[in-house]
Amino acid sequence: GRRAVQGSICGKRGGSGGFLSMSTVRDVAAEEDLLQIVELASQPLPNRPDGTVTVIMYTSVEDPANQAVEYEYERMSEQRPDCVFLRCYKEYQGAQNFLAVRNVATFPFFEVFYRNAGVGRVAGPQLDRVEGYLKQFGFV
């Protein structure tokens, strides 16, 4: 089935433990999963009364150029443990519908959420703009 493919796509390149290794990026392929995580992230924490920033990267395995962006995205997630990092590959089962609902047509594409609302959309590999949103809404 398609599940095996999904597992291998998620795999962090190199390192032991395959896709079970502790990547700080979580994979989602359905809008209800995204909204549930965004909702949970908006809950107040002792050190974050306004909740946590969530960012999702929509990408595709078809374009090798996306791999460099994914690597940077992983690195960003390691540098910002105060934010929630998600990823959706368009090749995932059910992802086509998810991308249509989120109005995503180009890859990579990013959405940033804060306090249970979308606060930014970034088309193309402009991780500096994503970082800008994280700095604006994230924990300083």
N, C-alpha and C. Protein backbone atom coordinates (compact mmCIF):
# COMPACT_ATOMS: atom_id res chain seq x y z
N GLY A 1 0.82 -1.22 0.00
CA GLY A 1 0.00 0.00 0.00
C GLY A 1 0.84 1.25 0.00
N ARG A 2 0.15 2.38 0.08
CA ARG A 2 0.82 3.69 0.02
C ARG A 2 1.55 4.01 1.34
N ARG A 3 1.11 3.36 2.41
CA ARG A 3 1.68 3.66 3.73
C ARG A 3 3.20 3.51 3.76
N ALA A 4 3.70 2.43 3.16
CA ALA A 4 5.15 2.17 3.18
C ALA A 4 5.90 3.32 2.51
N VAL A 5 5.34 3.80 1.42
CA VAL A 5 5.95 4.93 0.71
C VAL A 5 6.02 6.13 1.64
N GLN A 6 4.92 6.39 2.33
CA GLN A 6 4.86 7.54 3.24
C GLN A 6 5.96 7.45 4.28
N GLY A 7 6.14 6.24 4.86
CA GLY A 7 7.17 6.05 5.86
C GLY A 7 8.55 6.36 5.32
N SER A 8 8.84 5.89 4.10
CA SER A 8 10.18 6.10 3.56
C SER A 8 10.39 7.56 3.18
N ILE A 9 9.32 8.24 2.75
CA ILE A 9 9.45 9.66 2.42
C ILE A 9 9.80 10.45 3.67
N CYS A 10 9.18 10.08 4.80
CA CYS A 10 9.39 10.83 6.04
C CYS A 10 10.79 10.64 6.58
N GLY A 11 11.47 9.60 6.12
CA GLY A 11 12.75 9.24 6.71
C GLY A 11 13.73 10.39 6.70
N LYS A 12 14.36 10.59 7.82
CA LYS A 12 15.40 11.61 7.88
C LYS A 12 16.61 11.03 7.16
N ARG A 13 17.17 11.77 6.25
CA ARG A 13 18.31 11.22 5.50
C ARG A 13 19.49 11.01 6.44
N GLY A 14 20.06 9.82 6.38
CA GLY A 14 21.19 9.50 7.26
C GLY A 14 20.71 9.26 8.67
N GLY A 15 21.62 8.94 9.56
CA GLY A 15 21.25 8.72 10.95
C GLY A 15 20.62 7.35 11.12
N SER A 16 20.58 6.85 12.34
CA SER A 16 20.03 5.53 12.58
C SER A 16 18.57 5.65 12.98
N GLY A 17 17.86 4.57 12.88
CA GLY A 17 16.49 4.54 13.37
C GLY A 17 15.47 4.89 12.31
N GLY A 18 15.90 5.12 11.07
CA GLY A 18 14.95 5.40 9.99
C GLY A 18 14.04 6.54 10.33
N PHE A 19 12.75 6.44 9.95
CA PHE A 19 11.87 7.58 10.14
C PHE A 19 11.34 7.64 11.57
N LEU A 20 11.78 6.73 12.43
CA LEU A 20 11.42 6.82 13.84
C LEU A 20 12.41 7.69 14.60
N SER A 21 13.49 8.11 13.94
CA SER A 21 14.46 8.98 14.61
C SER A 21 13.76 10.28 15.00
N MET A 22 14.25 10.92 16.05
CA MET A 22 13.55 12.07 16.60
C MET A 22 13.70 13.32 15.74
N SER A 23 13.03 13.32 14.64
CA SER A 23 12.94 14.54 13.86
C SER A 23 12.02 15.49 14.61
N THR A 24 12.35 16.78 14.57
CA THR A 24 11.50 17.74 15.27
C THR A 24 10.35 18.18 14.37
N VAL A 25 10.31 17.66 13.14
CA VAL A 25 9.23 18.00 12.20
C VAL A 25 8.24 16.84 12.15
N ARG A 26 6.96 17.16 12.36
CA ARG A 26 5.91 16.13 12.32
C ARG A 26 5.18 16.19 10.99
N ASP A 27 4.82 15.02 10.48
CA ASP A 27 4.14 14.94 9.19
C ASP A 27 2.63 14.87 9.37
N VAL A 28 1.92 15.66 8.57
CA VAL A 28 0.45 15.62 8.57
C VAL A 28 -0.03 15.55 7.13
N ALA A 29 -1.20 14.95 6.92
CA ALA A 29 -1.72 14.83 5.56
C ALA A 29 -3.21 15.12 5.49
N ALA A 30 -3.77 15.68 6.57
CA ALA A 30 -5.20 15.98 6.59
C ALA A 30 -5.45 17.28 7.33
N GLU A 31 -6.43 18.04 6.86
CA GLU A 31 -6.69 19.34 7.47
C GLU A 31 -7.12 19.21 8.93
N GLU A 32 -7.90 18.16 9.25
CA GLU A 32 -8.35 18.04 10.64
C GLU A 32 -7.16 17.84 11.58
N ASP A 33 -6.12 17.14 11.12
CA ASP A 33 -4.91 16.96 11.94
C ASP A 33 -4.20 18.30 12.14
N LEU A 34 -4.08 19.05 11.07
CA LEU A 34 -3.45 20.38 11.15
C LEU A 34 -4.19 21.26 12.15
N LEU A 35 -5.53 21.34 11.99
CA LEU A 35 -6.32 22.23 12.84
C LEU A 35 -6.29 21.80 14.30
N GLN A 36 -6.24 20.49 14.52
CA GLN A 36 -6.17 19.98 15.90
C GLN A 36 -4.84 20.39 16.54
N ILE A 37 -3.75 20.28 15.80
CA ILE A 37 -2.42 20.65 16.33
C ILE A 37 -2.36 22.16 16.57
N VAL A 38 -2.90 22.95 15.62
CA VAL A 38 -2.91 24.41 15.77
C VAL A 38 -3.72 24.80 17.01
N GLU A 39 -4.83 24.11 17.20
CA GLU A 39 -5.69 24.36 18.37
C GLU A 39 -4.95 24.03 19.67
N LEU A 40 -4.28 22.87 19.70
CA LEU A 40 -3.52 22.47 20.89
C LEU A 40 -2.39 23.45 21.16
N ALA A 41 -1.73 23.90 20.08
CA ALA A 41 -0.59 24.82 20.22
C ALA A 41 -1.04 26.18 20.75
N SER A 42 -2.32 26.51 20.58
CA SER A 42 -2.81 27.82 21.03
C SER A 42 -3.13 27.83 22.53
N GLN A 43 -3.11 26.65 23.16
CA GLN A 43 -3.41 26.58 24.59
C GLN A 43 -2.28 27.25 25.38
N PRO A 44 -2.62 28.01 26.42
CA PRO A 44 -1.57 28.67 27.21
C PRO A 44 -0.70 27.67 27.97
N LEU A 45 0.58 27.98 28.04
CA LEU A 45 1.52 27.22 28.85
C LEU A 45 2.08 28.17 29.91
N PRO A 46 2.65 27.62 30.99
CA PRO A 46 3.19 28.51 32.03
C PRO A 46 4.15 29.56 31.49
N ASN A 47 5.04 29.14 30.56
CA ASN A 47 6.02 30.09 30.02
C ASN A 47 5.57 30.73 28.71
N ARG A 48 4.41 30.30 28.20
CA ARG A 48 3.87 30.83 26.95
C ARG A 48 2.38 31.09 27.09
N PRO A 49 2.00 32.19 27.78
CA PRO A 49 0.57 32.44 28.02
C PRO A 49 -0.26 32.54 26.74
N ASP A 50 0.39 32.91 25.62
CA ASP A 50 -0.34 33.03 24.35
C ASP A 50 -0.22 31.79 23.48
N GLY A 51 0.35 30.72 24.04
CA GLY A 51 0.48 29.51 23.25
C GLY A 51 1.71 29.52 22.36
N THR A 52 1.74 28.60 21.41
CA THR A 52 2.92 28.32 20.61
C THR A 52 2.64 28.58 19.13
N VAL A 53 3.65 29.03 18.42
CA VAL A 53 3.52 29.23 16.97
C VAL A 53 3.63 27.88 16.27
N THR A 54 2.77 27.66 15.28
CA THR A 54 2.82 26.46 14.46
C THR A 54 3.12 26.86 13.02
N VAL A 55 4.03 26.14 12.38
CA VAL A 55 4.31 26.39 10.96
C VAL A 55 4.23 25.06 10.21
N ILE A 56 3.66 25.09 9.02
CA ILE A 56 3.59 23.89 8.19
C ILE A 56 4.25 24.19 6.84
N MET A 57 5.02 23.22 6.38
CA MET A 57 5.64 23.29 5.06
C MET A 57 4.95 22.28 4.16
N TYR A 58 4.41 22.76 3.04
CA TYR A 58 3.85 21.87 2.01
C TYR A 58 4.93 21.69 0.96
N THR A 59 5.25 20.43 0.64
CA THR A 59 6.34 20.19 -0.28
C THR A 59 6.06 18.97 -1.15
N SER A 60 7.01 18.64 -2.01
CA SER A 60 6.84 17.52 -2.92
C SER A 60 8.18 16.82 -3.10
N VAL A 61 8.15 15.50 -3.26
CA VAL A 61 9.40 14.76 -3.49
C VAL A 61 9.83 14.86 -4.95
N GLU A 62 8.95 15.37 -5.81
CA GLU A 62 9.25 15.42 -7.24
C GLU A 62 10.38 16.38 -7.58
N ASP A 63 10.45 17.50 -6.88
CA ASP A 63 11.42 18.53 -7.20
C ASP A 63 12.62 18.44 -6.25
N PRO A 64 13.79 18.07 -6.79
CA PRO A 64 14.98 17.94 -5.94
C PRO A 64 15.34 19.25 -5.23
N ALA A 65 14.96 20.37 -5.79
CA ALA A 65 15.27 21.67 -5.18
C ALA A 65 14.62 21.79 -3.80
N ASN A 66 13.52 21.07 -3.60
CA ASN A 66 12.83 21.13 -2.31
C ASN A 66 13.66 20.51 -1.19
N GLN A 67 14.55 19.59 -1.54
CA GLN A 67 15.31 18.88 -0.50
C GLN A 67 16.19 19.83 0.30
N ALA A 68 16.81 20.78 -0.37
CA ALA A 68 17.65 21.76 0.33
C ALA A 68 16.82 22.59 1.29
N VAL A 69 15.61 22.97 0.85
CA VAL A 69 14.72 23.76 1.68
C VAL A 69 14.27 22.92 2.89
N GLU A 70 13.99 21.64 2.65
CA GLU A 70 13.59 20.75 3.74
C GLU A 70 14.69 20.64 4.78
N TYR A 71 15.92 20.55 4.32
CA TYR A 71 17.06 20.46 5.24
C TYR A 71 17.13 21.71 6.10
N GLU A 72 16.98 22.87 5.49
CA GLU A 72 17.00 24.14 6.23
C GLU A 72 15.82 24.21 7.21
N TYR A 73 14.68 23.71 6.76
CA TYR A 73 13.47 23.70 7.60
C TYR A 73 13.69 22.84 8.84
N GLU A 74 14.29 21.64 8.64
CA GLU A 74 14.64 20.76 9.77
C GLU A 74 15.55 21.51 10.73
N ARG A 75 16.54 22.18 10.16
CA ARG A 75 17.52 22.88 10.99
C ARG A 75 16.85 24.00 11.79
N MET A 76 15.95 24.71 11.12
CA MET A 76 15.20 25.78 11.78
C MET A 76 14.40 25.20 12.95
N SER A 77 13.81 24.02 12.74
CA SER A 77 13.00 23.40 13.79
C SER A 77 13.85 23.03 15.00
N GLU A 78 15.11 22.67 14.76
CA GLU A 78 16.01 22.33 15.85
C GLU A 78 16.44 23.58 16.60
N GLN A 79 16.54 24.70 15.87
CA GLN A 79 16.96 25.96 16.50
C GLN A 79 15.81 26.63 17.24
N ARG A 80 14.57 26.26 16.92
CA ARG A 80 13.41 26.91 17.55
C ARG A 80 12.51 25.88 18.21
N PRO A 81 12.96 25.31 19.33
CA PRO A 81 12.14 24.29 20.01
C PRO A 81 10.84 24.87 20.58
N ASP A 82 10.73 26.21 20.57
CA ASP A 82 9.52 26.85 21.10
C ASP A 82 8.39 26.84 20.08
N CYS A 83 8.65 26.41 18.85
CA CYS A 83 7.62 26.39 17.80
C CYS A 83 7.31 24.96 17.38
N VAL A 84 6.11 24.77 16.82
CA VAL A 84 5.70 23.47 16.31
C VAL A 84 5.90 23.46 14.80
N PHE A 85 6.66 22.48 14.30
CA PHE A 85 6.96 22.39 12.87
C PHE A 85 6.28 21.18 12.26
N LEU A 86 5.50 21.42 11.20
CA LEU A 86 4.77 20.35 10.52
C LEU A 86 5.19 20.32 9.05
N ARG A 87 4.88 19.20 8.40
CA ARG A 87 5.21 19.08 6.98
C ARG A 87 4.17 18.19 6.30
N CYS A 88 3.84 18.54 5.07
CA CYS A 88 2.96 17.70 4.27
C CYS A 88 3.54 17.55 2.87
N TYR A 89 3.76 16.31 2.46
CA TYR A 89 4.17 16.05 1.07
C TYR A 89 2.92 15.88 0.23
N LYS A 90 2.91 16.45 -0.96
CA LYS A 90 1.72 16.32 -1.80
C LYS A 90 1.50 14.88 -2.24
N GLU A 91 2.54 14.05 -2.10
CA GLU A 91 2.41 12.64 -2.48
C GLU A 91 1.68 11.81 -1.43
N TYR A 92 1.45 12.36 -0.25
CA TYR A 92 0.75 11.61 0.79
C TYR A 92 -0.66 11.27 0.35
N GLN A 93 -1.13 10.15 0.84
CA GLN A 93 -2.51 9.75 0.60
C GLN A 93 -3.44 10.79 1.23
N GLY A 94 -4.37 11.30 0.44
CA GLY A 94 -5.32 12.29 0.95
C GLY A 94 -4.81 13.72 0.90
N ALA A 95 -3.55 13.89 0.55
CA ALA A 95 -2.96 15.23 0.58
C ALA A 95 -3.53 16.17 -0.49
N GLN A 96 -3.93 15.62 -1.63
CA GLN A 96 -4.45 16.48 -2.71
C GLN A 96 -5.62 17.31 -2.23
N ASN A 97 -6.52 16.66 -1.50
CA ASN A 97 -7.69 17.34 -0.96
C ASN A 97 -7.28 18.40 0.06
N PHE A 98 -6.35 18.03 0.93
CA PHE A 98 -5.81 18.92 1.97
C PHE A 98 -5.22 20.18 1.31
N LEU A 99 -4.39 19.98 0.28
CA LEU A 99 -3.75 21.12 -0.41
C LEU A 99 -4.78 22.02 -1.07
N ALA A 100 -5.82 21.41 -1.64
CA ALA A 100 -6.87 22.20 -2.29
C ALA A 100 -7.60 23.06 -1.27
N VAL A 101 -7.93 22.47 -0.12
CA VAL A 101 -8.63 23.19 0.94
C VAL A 101 -7.79 24.34 1.48
N ARG A 102 -6.47 24.11 1.58
CA ARG A 102 -5.57 25.14 2.10
C ARG A 102 -5.12 26.11 1.01
N ASN A 103 -5.58 25.87 -0.21
CA ASN A 103 -5.28 26.77 -1.34
C ASN A 103 -3.77 26.83 -1.63
N VAL A 104 -3.15 25.66 -1.66
CA VAL A 104 -1.72 25.55 -1.93
C VAL A 104 -1.52 25.00 -3.34
N ALA A 105 -0.83 25.77 -4.19
CA ALA A 105 -0.62 25.34 -5.57
C ALA A 105 0.85 25.26 -5.94
N THR A 106 1.71 25.95 -5.19
CA THR A 106 3.14 25.94 -5.49
C THR A 106 3.91 25.31 -4.33
N PHE A 107 5.09 24.80 -4.63
CA PHE A 107 5.92 24.16 -3.60
C PHE A 107 7.33 24.72 -3.64
N PRO A 108 7.99 24.87 -2.50
CA PRO A 108 7.37 24.70 -1.18
C PRO A 108 6.44 25.87 -0.86
N PHE A 109 5.55 25.62 0.08
CA PHE A 109 4.60 26.64 0.53
C PHE A 109 4.50 26.52 2.04
N PHE A 110 4.43 27.65 2.73
CA PHE A 110 4.40 27.64 4.19
C PHE A 110 3.19 28.39 4.72
N GLU A 111 2.64 27.88 5.82
CA GLU A 111 1.60 28.62 6.55
C GLU A 111 2.03 28.70 8.01
N VAL A 112 1.81 29.88 8.60
CA VAL A 112 2.16 30.10 10.00
C VAL A 112 0.87 30.40 10.78
N PHE A 113 0.74 29.75 11.94
CA PHE A 113 -0.45 29.91 12.78
C PHE A 113 -0.06 30.36 14.18
N TYR A 114 -0.89 31.21 14.76
CA TYR A 114 -0.66 31.68 16.13
C TYR A 114 -2.01 32.01 16.75
N ARG A 115 -2.21 31.60 18.00
CA ARG A 115 -3.49 31.82 18.69
C ARG A 115 -4.66 31.29 17.87
N ASN A 116 -4.46 30.11 17.29
CA ASN A 116 -5.52 29.42 16.55
C ASN A 116 -5.95 30.15 15.28
N ALA A 117 -5.08 31.00 14.73
CA ALA A 117 -5.41 31.71 13.49
C ALA A 117 -4.20 31.73 12.56
N GLY A 118 -4.48 31.76 11.26
CA GLY A 118 -3.39 31.90 10.30
C GLY A 118 -2.84 33.32 10.35
N VAL A 119 -1.53 33.45 10.51
CA VAL A 119 -0.92 34.78 10.58
C VAL A 119 0.03 35.04 9.40
N GLY A 120 0.33 34.01 8.63
CA GLY A 120 1.23 34.24 7.50
C GLY A 120 1.20 33.10 6.50
N ARG A 121 1.35 33.46 5.22
CA ARG A 121 1.47 32.48 4.14
C ARG A 121 2.67 32.88 3.29
N VAL A 122 3.55 31.93 3.01
CA VAL A 122 4.76 32.21 2.24
C VAL A 122 4.86 31.23 1.09
N ALA A 123 4.86 31.74 -0.13
CA ALA A 123 5.01 30.89 -1.32
C ALA A 123 6.47 30.88 -1.76
N GLY A 124 6.97 29.70 -2.08
CA GLY A 124 8.36 29.59 -2.53
C GLY A 124 9.32 29.38 -1.37
N PRO A 125 10.59 29.15 -1.71
CA PRO A 125 11.59 28.76 -0.69
C PRO A 125 12.12 29.94 0.12
N GLN A 126 11.23 30.79 0.62
CA GLN A 126 11.65 32.00 1.33
C GLN A 126 11.63 31.77 2.84
N LEU A 127 12.57 30.95 3.28
CA LEU A 127 12.62 30.60 4.71
C LEU A 127 12.91 31.81 5.59
N ASP A 128 13.54 32.83 5.03
CA ASP A 128 13.80 34.04 5.81
C ASP A 128 12.48 34.72 6.19
N ARG A 129 11.50 34.67 5.29
CA ARG A 129 10.18 35.24 5.60
C ARG A 129 9.46 34.41 6.66
N VAL A 130 9.61 33.07 6.56
CA VAL A 130 9.03 32.19 7.58
C VAL A 130 9.66 32.51 8.93
N GLU A 131 10.98 32.63 8.94
CA GLU A 131 11.72 32.97 10.16
C GLU A 131 11.24 34.30 10.74
N GLY A 132 10.94 35.25 9.86
CA GLY A 132 10.42 36.55 10.29
C GLY A 132 9.13 36.42 11.07
N TYR A 133 8.21 35.56 10.57
CA TYR A 133 6.96 35.32 11.30
C TYR A 133 7.22 34.66 12.65
N LEU A 134 8.16 33.71 12.66
CA LEU A 134 8.46 33.00 13.90
C LEU A 134 9.04 33.96 14.93
N LYS A 135 9.87 34.88 14.47
CA LYS A 135 10.44 35.89 15.39
C LYS A 135 9.36 36.83 15.89
N GLN A 136 8.45 37.20 14.97
CA GLN A 136 7.39 38.16 15.32
C GLN A 136 6.44 37.57 16.37
N PHE A 137 6.05 36.31 16.17
CA PHE A 137 5.02 35.72 17.03
C PHE A 137 5.60 34.73 18.04
N GLY A 138 6.85 34.32 17.83
CA GLY A 138 7.45 33.30 18.68
C GLY A 138 7.98 33.86 19.97
N PHE A 139 8.52 32.99 20.76
CA PHE A 139 9.06 33.34 22.07
C PHE A 139 10.42 34.00 21.89
N VAL A 140 10.62 35.14 22.52
CA VAL A 140 11.90 35.84 22.39
C VAL A 140 12.71 35.65 23.67
